[in-house]
Amino acid sequence: MSTVPPAPSDAQAAAPPPPQARNPLHGITLEAMVTALSAHYGWAGLGQRIPVRCFTHDPSIASSLKFLRKTPWAREKVEGLYLFMLREIRRQQADARS
């Protein structure tokens, strides 16, 4: 005989999801990532690290966002490079303090 779990109460159903304190991408827009990456590496450097046309041929924030929103694998690469850039910046700051 199987038991059915109780239905959540109204208070449980309306509770917000837990905060994503450990997710470094939480609250960061794709536009903010592309802007930061292009400012840090330049379009040429960004095109070398992620070789897609939106970064190598007549690059712009708008064209990059249009492509990245439609292409999950490219967006994942941008997110990964953004996280790498953040780690790189933190290391440089830590080294400068030492």
N, C-alpha and C. Protein backbone atom coordinates (compact mmCIF):
# COMPACT_ATOMS: atom_id res chain seq x y z
N MET A 1 0.84 -1.17 0.00
CA MET A 1 0.00 0.00 0.00
C MET A 1 0.89 1.24 0.00
N SER A 2 0.70 2.12 -0.95
CA SER A 2 1.53 3.33 -1.03
C SER A 2 0.85 4.48 -0.31
N THR A 3 1.68 5.33 0.23
CA THR A 3 1.15 6.51 0.92
C THR A 3 1.41 7.73 0.07
N VAL A 4 0.49 8.62 0.08
CA VAL A 4 0.61 9.86 -0.68
C VAL A 4 1.13 10.94 0.26
N PRO A 5 2.20 11.66 -0.14
CA PRO A 5 2.70 12.71 0.74
C PRO A 5 1.66 13.81 0.89
N PRO A 6 1.64 14.46 2.04
CA PRO A 6 0.66 15.53 2.24
C PRO A 6 0.91 16.70 1.30
N ALA A 7 -0.14 17.35 0.91
CA ALA A 7 -0.03 18.53 0.05
C ALA A 7 0.59 19.67 0.84
N PRO A 8 1.43 20.51 0.22
CA PRO A 8 2.03 21.62 0.96
C PRO A 8 0.97 22.62 1.38
N SER A 9 1.21 23.20 2.54
CA SER A 9 0.27 24.21 3.02
C SER A 9 0.47 25.49 2.21
N ASP A 10 -0.45 26.43 2.35
CA ASP A 10 -0.35 27.70 1.62
C ASP A 10 0.92 28.44 1.98
N ALA A 11 1.34 28.38 3.23
CA ALA A 11 2.56 29.07 3.66
C ALA A 11 3.79 28.47 3.00
N GLN A 12 3.82 27.13 2.85
CA GLN A 12 4.95 26.49 2.21
C GLN A 12 4.97 26.77 0.71
N ALA A 13 3.83 26.79 0.08
CA ALA A 13 3.76 27.01 -1.36
C ALA A 13 4.17 28.43 -1.73
N ALA A 14 3.91 29.39 -0.87
CA ALA A 14 4.22 30.79 -1.17
C ALA A 14 5.62 31.19 -0.75
N ALA A 15 6.35 30.29 -0.07
CA ALA A 15 7.69 30.62 0.41
C ALA A 15 8.62 30.83 -0.79
N PRO A 16 9.47 31.85 -0.74
CA PRO A 16 10.40 32.09 -1.84
C PRO A 16 11.46 30.99 -1.87
N PRO A 17 12.08 30.77 -3.03
CA PRO A 17 13.13 29.76 -3.11
C PRO A 17 14.33 30.20 -2.26
N PRO A 18 15.14 29.25 -1.83
CA PRO A 18 16.29 29.63 -1.00
C PRO A 18 17.25 30.53 -1.78
N PRO A 19 17.92 31.45 -1.11
CA PRO A 19 18.85 32.34 -1.80
C PRO A 19 20.03 31.55 -2.37
N GLN A 20 20.59 32.08 -3.43
CA GLN A 20 21.71 31.41 -4.09
C GLN A 20 23.02 32.08 -3.70
N ALA A 21 23.30 32.10 -2.42
CA ALA A 21 24.48 32.79 -1.91
C ALA A 21 25.77 32.22 -2.48
N ARG A 22 25.81 30.94 -2.79
CA ARG A 22 27.04 30.32 -3.26
C ARG A 22 27.15 30.32 -4.79
N ASN A 23 26.18 30.87 -5.48
CA ASN A 23 26.20 30.93 -6.94
C ASN A 23 26.77 32.27 -7.36
N PRO A 24 28.01 32.32 -7.88
CA PRO A 24 28.62 33.60 -8.23
C PRO A 24 27.94 34.29 -9.42
N LEU A 25 27.14 33.57 -10.19
CA LEU A 25 26.47 34.17 -11.34
C LEU A 25 25.08 34.69 -10.99
N HIS A 26 24.62 34.43 -9.76
CA HIS A 26 23.28 34.87 -9.37
C HIS A 26 23.19 36.39 -9.39
N GLY A 27 22.24 36.90 -10.15
CA GLY A 27 22.03 38.34 -10.23
C GLY A 27 22.87 39.04 -11.28
N ILE A 28 23.75 38.32 -11.95
CA ILE A 28 24.60 38.90 -13.00
C ILE A 28 23.92 38.66 -14.34
N THR A 29 23.66 39.73 -15.08
CA THR A 29 23.02 39.58 -16.38
C THR A 29 24.04 39.17 -17.43
N LEU A 30 23.56 38.61 -18.51
CA LEU A 30 24.43 38.25 -19.62
C LEU A 30 25.10 39.50 -20.18
N GLU A 31 24.35 40.58 -20.24
CA GLU A 31 24.92 41.85 -20.73
C GLU A 31 26.07 42.31 -19.84
N ALA A 32 25.92 42.19 -18.52
CA ALA A 32 26.99 42.59 -17.61
C ALA A 32 28.23 41.72 -17.80
N MET A 33 28.02 40.42 -18.04
CA MET A 33 29.15 39.52 -18.27
C MET A 33 29.90 39.88 -19.54
N VAL A 34 29.16 40.08 -20.65
CA VAL A 34 29.80 40.40 -21.93
C VAL A 34 30.51 41.75 -21.84
N THR A 35 29.90 42.72 -21.18
CA THR A 35 30.51 44.03 -21.03
C THR A 35 31.81 43.93 -20.23
N ALA A 36 31.77 43.20 -19.12
CA ALA A 36 32.97 43.05 -18.29
C ALA A 36 34.08 42.30 -19.03
N LEU A 37 33.71 41.25 -19.75
CA LEU A 37 34.70 40.48 -20.50
C LEU A 37 35.33 41.31 -21.61
N SER A 38 34.53 42.07 -22.33
CA SER A 38 35.08 42.89 -23.42
C SER A 38 35.95 44.01 -22.86
N ALA A 39 35.59 44.52 -21.68
CA ALA A 39 36.42 45.56 -21.06
C ALA A 39 37.73 44.98 -20.56
N HIS A 40 37.70 43.78 -20.03
CA HIS A 40 38.90 43.16 -19.45
C HIS A 40 39.84 42.62 -20.53
N TYR A 41 39.32 41.87 -21.49
CA TYR A 41 40.14 41.22 -22.51
C TYR A 41 40.19 41.99 -23.83
N GLY A 42 39.22 42.87 -24.08
CA GLY A 42 39.08 43.49 -25.40
C GLY A 42 38.38 42.51 -26.32
N TRP A 43 37.81 43.02 -27.40
CA TRP A 43 37.08 42.13 -28.32
C TRP A 43 38.02 41.12 -28.97
N ALA A 44 39.24 41.54 -29.31
CA ALA A 44 40.18 40.61 -29.95
C ALA A 44 40.54 39.48 -28.99
N GLY A 45 40.82 39.81 -27.74
CA GLY A 45 41.14 38.79 -26.74
C GLY A 45 39.97 37.89 -26.45
N LEU A 46 38.79 38.46 -26.42
CA LEU A 46 37.58 37.66 -26.19
C LEU A 46 37.36 36.71 -27.37
N GLY A 47 37.59 37.19 -28.59
CA GLY A 47 37.45 36.35 -29.78
C GLY A 47 38.48 35.22 -29.82
N GLN A 48 39.67 35.45 -29.25
CA GLN A 48 40.68 34.39 -29.18
C GLN A 48 40.28 33.33 -28.16
N ARG A 49 39.71 33.76 -27.05
CA ARG A 49 39.34 32.82 -25.99
C ARG A 49 38.06 32.05 -26.31
N ILE A 50 37.12 32.71 -26.97
CA ILE A 50 35.87 32.06 -27.39
C ILE A 50 35.68 32.42 -28.87
N PRO A 51 36.15 31.56 -29.77
CA PRO A 51 36.13 31.89 -31.20
C PRO A 51 34.75 31.74 -31.84
N VAL A 52 33.92 32.74 -31.67
CA VAL A 52 32.62 32.79 -32.34
C VAL A 52 32.54 34.12 -33.09
N ARG A 53 31.78 34.13 -34.18
CA ARG A 53 31.72 35.30 -35.04
C ARG A 53 31.27 36.57 -34.32
N CYS A 54 30.39 36.45 -33.36
CA CYS A 54 29.88 37.65 -32.70
C CYS A 54 30.99 38.38 -31.93
N PHE A 55 32.12 37.68 -31.65
CA PHE A 55 33.25 38.32 -30.98
C PHE A 55 34.38 38.66 -31.95
N THR A 56 34.41 38.04 -33.13
CA THR A 56 35.54 38.22 -34.03
C THR A 56 35.25 39.11 -35.24
N HIS A 57 34.00 39.19 -35.67
CA HIS A 57 33.65 39.97 -36.86
C HIS A 57 32.64 41.06 -36.50
N ASP A 58 33.08 42.29 -36.53
CA ASP A 58 32.23 43.44 -36.22
C ASP A 58 31.49 43.25 -34.88
N PRO A 59 32.25 43.06 -33.79
CA PRO A 59 31.61 42.74 -32.51
C PRO A 59 30.89 43.93 -31.88
N SER A 60 29.82 43.62 -31.19
CA SER A 60 29.10 44.61 -30.40
C SER A 60 28.37 43.87 -29.29
N ILE A 61 28.00 44.60 -28.26
CA ILE A 61 27.26 44.01 -27.16
C ILE A 61 25.93 43.45 -27.67
N ALA A 62 25.22 44.24 -28.47
CA ALA A 62 23.89 43.84 -28.95
C ALA A 62 23.95 42.56 -29.79
N SER A 63 24.90 42.48 -30.73
CA SER A 63 24.97 41.28 -31.57
C SER A 63 25.40 40.07 -30.75
N SER A 64 26.28 40.29 -29.79
CA SER A 64 26.72 39.19 -28.94
C SER A 64 25.56 38.65 -28.10
N LEU A 65 24.79 39.55 -27.52
CA LEU A 65 23.65 39.13 -26.69
C LEU A 65 22.63 38.36 -27.52
N LYS A 66 22.37 38.83 -28.73
CA LYS A 66 21.40 38.16 -29.60
C LYS A 66 21.85 36.72 -29.89
N PHE A 67 23.13 36.54 -30.19
CA PHE A 67 23.66 35.21 -30.48
C PHE A 67 23.68 34.34 -29.22
N LEU A 68 24.17 34.89 -28.11
CA LEU A 68 24.34 34.10 -26.89
C LEU A 68 23.01 33.65 -26.29
N ARG A 69 21.98 34.46 -26.46
CA ARG A 69 20.67 34.08 -25.92
C ARG A 69 20.06 32.91 -26.68
N LYS A 70 20.49 32.71 -27.93
CA LYS A 70 19.96 31.62 -28.76
C LYS A 70 20.86 30.40 -28.75
N THR A 71 22.07 30.51 -28.19
CA THR A 71 23.06 29.44 -28.31
C THR A 71 23.57 29.04 -26.92
N PRO A 72 22.95 28.02 -26.32
CA PRO A 72 23.32 27.64 -24.95
C PRO A 72 24.79 27.27 -24.76
N TRP A 73 25.40 26.56 -25.72
CA TRP A 73 26.79 26.15 -25.53
C TRP A 73 27.71 27.37 -25.50
N ALA A 74 27.42 28.38 -26.30
CA ALA A 74 28.27 29.58 -26.31
C ALA A 74 28.06 30.38 -25.01
N ARG A 75 26.83 30.42 -24.54
CA ARG A 75 26.56 31.12 -23.28
C ARG A 75 27.31 30.45 -22.13
N GLU A 76 27.36 29.13 -22.12
CA GLU A 76 28.10 28.41 -21.09
C GLU A 76 29.59 28.76 -21.13
N LYS A 77 30.13 28.90 -22.33
CA LYS A 77 31.54 29.29 -22.45
C LYS A 77 31.76 30.71 -21.91
N VAL A 78 30.84 31.61 -22.20
CA VAL A 78 30.95 32.98 -21.69
C VAL A 78 30.86 32.98 -20.17
N GLU A 79 29.94 32.22 -19.60
CA GLU A 79 29.81 32.15 -18.15
C GLU A 79 31.08 31.58 -17.51
N GLY A 80 31.64 30.55 -18.14
CA GLY A 80 32.88 29.96 -17.63
C GLY A 80 34.04 30.93 -17.69
N LEU A 81 34.16 31.65 -18.79
CA LEU A 81 35.24 32.63 -18.92
C LEU A 81 35.05 33.78 -17.94
N TYR A 82 33.82 34.17 -17.70
CA TYR A 82 33.53 35.23 -16.73
C TYR A 82 33.97 34.80 -15.33
N LEU A 83 33.65 33.56 -14.94
CA LEU A 83 34.08 33.06 -13.64
C LEU A 83 35.60 32.97 -13.55
N PHE A 84 36.25 32.55 -14.62
CA PHE A 84 37.71 32.50 -14.67
C PHE A 84 38.29 33.90 -14.50
N MET A 85 37.70 34.87 -15.18
CA MET A 85 38.17 36.26 -15.08
C MET A 85 38.06 36.76 -13.64
N LEU A 86 36.94 36.45 -12.97
CA LEU A 86 36.77 36.88 -11.59
C LEU A 86 37.84 36.27 -10.68
N ARG A 87 38.13 34.97 -10.87
CA ARG A 87 39.17 34.31 -10.08
C ARG A 87 40.53 34.94 -10.36
N GLU A 88 40.80 35.23 -11.63
CA GLU A 88 42.06 35.85 -12.03
C GLU A 88 42.23 37.22 -11.37
N ILE A 89 41.18 38.01 -11.34
CA ILE A 89 41.22 39.34 -10.73
C ILE A 89 41.45 39.22 -9.23
N ARG A 90 40.77 38.27 -8.58
CA ARG A 90 40.95 38.08 -7.14
C ARG A 90 42.38 37.67 -6.81
N ARG A 91 42.97 36.79 -7.63
CA ARG A 91 44.35 36.36 -7.41
C ARG A 91 45.31 37.54 -7.55
N GLN A 92 45.09 38.36 -8.56
CA GLN A 92 45.97 39.52 -8.77
C GLN A 92 45.86 40.49 -7.61
N GLN A 93 44.66 40.69 -7.08
CA GLN A 93 44.48 41.58 -5.94
C GLN A 93 45.13 41.00 -4.69
N ALA A 94 45.03 39.69 -4.51
CA ALA A 94 45.66 39.05 -3.35
C ALA A 94 47.18 39.14 -3.44
N ASP A 95 47.72 38.95 -4.66
CA ASP A 95 49.16 39.08 -4.84
C ASP A 95 49.66 40.49 -4.61
N ALA A 96 48.86 41.46 -4.99
CA ALA A 96 49.24 42.87 -4.81
C ALA A 96 49.28 43.24 -3.33
N ARG A 97 48.43 42.62 -2.52
CA ARG A 97 48.40 42.90 -1.08
C ARG A 97 49.55 42.22 -0.35
N SER A 98 50.09 41.15 -0.92
CA SER A 98 51.16 40.38 -0.25
C SER A 98 52.49 41.08 -0.32
